[in-house]
N, C-alpha and C. Protein backbone atom coordinates (compact mmCIF):
# COMPACT_ATOMS: atom_id res chain seq x y z
N MET A 1 173.55 203.14 79.73
CA MET A 1 174.66 202.72 80.72
C MET A 1 174.29 201.41 80.94
N SER A 2 175.87 200.17 80.80
CA SER A 2 175.48 198.92 81.22
C SER A 2 176.05 198.88 82.75
N HIS A 3 175.81 197.56 82.88
CA HIS A 3 175.78 196.90 84.08
C HIS A 3 177.45 196.58 83.87
N ALA A 4 177.88 196.26 82.58
CA ALA A 4 179.22 195.91 81.99
C ALA A 4 180.30 196.97 82.06
N ARG A 5 179.93 198.16 82.24
CA ARG A 5 180.18 199.60 81.69
C ARG A 5 180.42 199.61 83.68
N ASP A 6 179.60 199.69 84.19
CA ASP A 6 179.69 200.15 85.82
C ASP A 6 180.78 199.04 86.49
N VAL A 7 180.80 197.83 86.13
CA VAL A 7 181.61 197.10 86.65
C VAL A 7 183.27 197.26 86.02
N ALA A 8 183.57 197.75 85.37
CA ALA A 8 184.51 198.26 84.74
C ALA A 8 185.28 199.20 85.49
N GLU A 9 184.35 200.20 85.44
CA GLU A 9 184.73 201.59 86.37
C GLU A 9 184.79 201.60 87.87
N VAL A 10 184.10 200.55 88.36
CA VAL A 10 184.39 200.32 89.69
C VAL A 10 185.56 199.38 89.75
N VAL A 11 185.92 198.77 89.33
CA VAL A 11 187.40 198.28 89.51
C VAL A 11 188.23 198.86 89.33
N VAL A 12 188.24 199.44 88.01
CA VAL A 12 189.25 200.43 87.94
C VAL A 12 189.75 201.29 88.95
N LYS A 13 188.37 201.85 89.10
CA LYS A 13 188.45 203.42 90.16
C LYS A 13 189.44 202.53 91.57
N ALA A 14 189.03 201.17 91.88
CA ALA A 14 189.25 200.55 93.19
C ALA A 14 191.09 200.68 92.90
N LEU A 15 191.81 200.17 91.52
CA LEU A 15 193.07 199.69 91.24
C LEU A 15 193.47 200.93 91.44
N VAL A 16 193.64 202.32 90.62
CA VAL A 16 194.24 203.25 90.46
C VAL A 16 194.72 204.21 91.88
N LEU A 17 195.54 204.71 91.96
CA LEU A 17 196.23 206.26 92.40
C LEU A 17 195.15 207.60 92.24
N GLN A 18 194.83 208.06 91.44
CA GLN A 18 193.79 208.78 90.69
C GLN A 18 192.46 208.25 90.28
N PRO A 19 191.67 207.98 91.14
CA PRO A 19 190.69 207.43 90.45
C PRO A 19 189.77 208.61 90.06
N GLU A 20 189.91 209.61 90.06
CA GLU A 20 188.90 210.86 89.55
C GLU A 20 189.41 211.35 88.17
N ALA A 21 190.35 210.56 87.78
CA ALA A 21 191.07 210.88 86.24
C ALA A 21 190.77 209.46 85.39
N VAL A 22 189.69 208.82 86.08
CA VAL A 22 189.43 207.28 85.45
C VAL A 22 188.51 208.00 84.44
N ARG A 23 187.78 207.44 82.88
CA ARG A 23 186.88 207.85 81.94
C ARG A 23 186.28 206.50 81.94
N VAL A 24 185.56 206.19 81.63
CA VAL A 24 185.11 204.93 80.76
C VAL A 24 183.45 205.46 80.29
N THR A 25 184.03 204.62 78.93
CA THR A 25 183.03 204.93 77.99
C THR A 25 182.34 203.89 77.27
N GLU A 26 181.61 203.21 76.75
CA GLU A 26 180.87 202.12 75.88
C GLU A 26 180.41 202.14 74.83
N THR A 27 180.39 201.96 73.70
CA THR A 27 179.93 201.64 72.34
C THR A 27 179.55 200.21 71.91
N ASP A 28 178.78 200.53 70.50
CA ASP A 28 178.13 199.34 70.09
C ASP A 28 178.69 199.10 69.16
N GLN A 29 179.19 198.13 68.90
CA GLN A 29 180.03 197.75 67.43
C GLN A 29 179.50 196.58 66.77
N ARG A 30 178.54 196.95 66.20
CA ARG A 30 178.33 194.88 65.49
C ARG A 30 177.38 194.19 66.91
N GLY A 31 176.62 194.71 67.60
CA GLY A 31 176.22 193.91 68.63
C GLY A 31 177.60 193.35 70.09
N LEU A 32 178.02 194.08 70.11
CA LEU A 32 179.35 193.96 70.76
C LEU A 32 179.73 195.34 71.44
N THR A 33 179.63 195.32 72.49
CA THR A 33 179.99 196.36 73.52
C THR A 33 181.35 196.34 73.94
N VAL A 34 182.06 197.43 73.12
CA VAL A 34 182.91 198.05 73.89
C VAL A 34 182.84 198.86 74.84
N VAL A 35 184.07 198.49 75.96
CA VAL A 35 184.14 199.69 77.14
C VAL A 35 185.39 199.67 77.33
N GLU A 36 185.79 201.61 76.48
CA GLU A 36 187.11 201.86 76.88
C GLU A 36 187.28 202.35 78.13
N VAL A 37 188.86 202.36 78.76
CA VAL A 37 188.54 202.61 79.67
C VAL A 37 189.84 203.57 79.67
N PHE A 38 190.08 205.18 80.29
CA PHE A 38 190.76 205.53 80.02
C PHE A 38 191.01 205.85 81.36
N VAL A 39 192.43 206.24 81.45
CA VAL A 39 193.01 206.21 83.06
C VAL A 39 194.73 207.25 82.59
N ALA A 40 195.08 207.62 83.38
CA ALA A 40 196.33 208.51 83.78
C ALA A 40 197.35 207.72 83.21
N ASP A 41 198.30 208.55 82.41
CA ASP A 41 199.48 207.90 81.67
C ASP A 41 200.20 207.05 82.99
N GLN A 42 200.88 207.01 83.90
CA GLN A 42 201.11 206.26 85.07
C GLN A 42 200.87 205.25 85.37
N GLU A 43 199.46 205.72 85.36
CA GLU A 43 198.42 204.22 85.61
C GLU A 43 198.26 203.42 85.26
N LEU A 44 198.27 202.91 83.58
CA LEU A 44 198.08 202.14 82.74
C LEU A 44 198.25 200.75 82.72
N GLY A 45 199.78 200.93 83.40
CA GLY A 45 200.36 199.91 84.32
C GLY A 45 199.65 198.86 84.79
N ARG A 46 199.36 199.95 86.11
CA ARG A 46 198.61 199.09 87.39
C ARG A 46 197.60 198.69 86.89
N VAL A 47 196.67 199.18 86.05
CA VAL A 47 195.84 198.58 85.35
C VAL A 47 196.14 196.98 84.93
N ILE A 48 197.11 197.48 83.91
CA ILE A 48 197.16 196.10 83.13
C ILE A 48 197.87 195.22 83.77
N GLY A 49 198.91 195.13 84.89
CA GLY A 49 199.22 194.24 85.69
C GLY A 49 200.64 193.63 85.01
N ARG A 50 200.71 192.80 85.99
CA ARG A 50 201.69 191.89 84.99
C ARG A 50 201.41 190.79 84.65
N GLN A 51 202.26 190.94 83.08
CA GLN A 51 201.92 189.92 82.06
C GLN A 51 200.61 189.90 81.72
N GLY A 52 199.81 190.79 82.32
CA GLY A 52 198.11 191.66 81.51
C GLY A 52 197.03 190.23 82.60
N ARG A 53 197.47 190.26 83.27
CA ARG A 53 196.80 189.50 84.70
C ARG A 53 195.67 190.35 85.09
N THR A 54 195.71 191.35 85.38
CA THR A 54 194.60 192.19 85.99
C THR A 54 194.08 192.63 84.80
N ALA A 55 194.63 193.10 83.73
CA ALA A 55 193.26 193.36 82.65
C ALA A 55 192.68 191.74 82.67
N THR A 56 193.39 190.63 82.14
CA THR A 56 192.55 189.92 82.06
C THR A 56 191.53 189.42 83.18
N ALA A 57 191.33 190.06 83.97
CA ALA A 57 190.32 189.91 85.36
C ALA A 57 189.64 190.68 84.97
N ILE A 58 189.54 191.55 84.86
CA ILE A 58 189.08 193.04 84.15
C ILE A 58 188.30 192.46 83.36
N ARG A 59 189.03 192.30 82.19
CA ARG A 59 187.92 191.73 81.03
C ARG A 59 187.21 190.58 81.11
N THR A 60 187.43 189.69 82.09
CA THR A 60 186.35 188.17 82.12
C THR A 60 185.27 188.64 83.43
N LEU A 61 185.49 189.81 84.24
CA LEU A 61 184.30 190.57 84.68
C LEU A 61 183.20 190.77 84.14
N VAL A 62 184.35 191.72 83.14
CA VAL A 62 182.64 192.55 82.58
C VAL A 62 182.50 191.59 81.10
N SER A 63 183.12 190.56 80.66
CA SER A 63 182.58 189.56 79.90
C SER A 63 181.36 188.91 80.40
N ALA A 64 181.30 188.52 82.15
CA ALA A 64 180.40 187.78 82.85
C ALA A 64 179.34 188.23 82.77
N THR A 65 179.85 190.02 83.14
CA THR A 65 178.66 190.71 83.43
C THR A 65 177.48 190.81 82.44
N ALA A 66 178.63 191.24 81.44
CA ALA A 66 177.27 191.23 79.81
C ALA A 66 176.85 190.06 79.55
N ASP A 67 177.18 188.85 79.83
CA ASP A 67 176.47 187.89 79.34
C ASP A 67 175.83 187.65 80.27
N ARG A 68 175.72 187.78 81.37
CA ARG A 68 174.82 187.47 82.48
C ARG A 68 173.17 188.58 82.12
N ASP A 69 173.86 189.29 81.25
CA ASP A 69 172.48 190.38 81.02
C ASP A 69 172.17 190.08 79.47
N GLY A 70 172.76 189.03 78.92
CA GLY A 70 172.32 188.58 77.77
C GLY A 70 173.29 189.86 76.42
N GLU A 71 174.32 189.94 77.12
CA GLU A 71 175.15 190.71 75.94
C GLU A 71 176.62 190.37 75.69
N LYS A 72 177.32 190.60 74.67
CA LYS A 72 178.50 190.16 74.72
C LYS A 72 179.33 191.75 74.72
N ALA A 73 180.60 191.73 75.61
CA ALA A 73 181.56 192.62 75.80
C ALA A 73 182.74 192.38 75.82
N THR A 74 183.97 193.68 75.65
CA THR A 74 185.13 193.66 75.98
C THR A 74 185.64 194.87 76.25
N VAL A 75 186.59 194.63 76.99
CA VAL A 75 187.24 195.75 77.05
C VAL A 75 188.68 196.41 76.39
N GLU A 76 188.93 197.78 76.53
CA GLU A 76 190.29 198.46 76.01
C GLU A 76 190.64 199.46 76.96
N PHE A 77 191.74 199.08 77.01
CA PHE A 77 192.33 200.15 77.76
C PHE A 77 193.05 201.09 77.23
N ARG A 78 192.98 202.43 77.87
CA ARG A 78 194.02 203.16 77.22
C ARG A 78 193.83 204.18 78.24
N ASP A 79 195.35 205.52 77.56
CA ASP A 79 195.94 206.38 79.14
C ASP A 79 194.55 207.81 78.09
N ARG A 80 195.22 208.48 78.55
CA ARG A 80 194.26 209.78 78.60
C ARG A 80 194.59 210.09 76.92
N ASP A 81 195.28 210.00 76.48
CA ASP A 81 195.56 210.94 74.35
C ASP A 81 194.88 209.33 74.25
N GLY A 82 194.12 208.44 74.42
CA GLY A 82 194.03 207.31 73.84
C GLY A 82 194.93 206.35 73.14
N ARG A 83 195.80 206.50 73.33
CA ARG A 83 196.77 205.43 73.07
C ARG A 83 196.51 203.90 73.98
N ARG A 84 196.43 202.66 73.33
CA ARG A 84 196.61 201.44 73.96
C ARG A 84 197.92 201.21 74.60
C-alpha cells in the first residue's frame, strides 16, 4: 500500500457523507500507480466537485505524494458499480 493511496483515502473519506462506503484500490500499470476511488452513487458529484475542481485537487495531492516517493500516480473516481 502506497502513501498516495493513503492520501486519496483520507481526503475522500473526509469529503463524503458515507465514509464507510468508500473503497480505494491501487494497481500498477507500466510504472504508473492507478488509484481507483469507489464511492456511493450519490457521493460521486461531491467528490468530483464543481467543474472537477475537487477531483483535480485530489489528483494533485496524490501525484505530489507519489512524486515524493519517486513514483508516478493518477486517480480515477468511480461509483460502486465501477462506472466513471
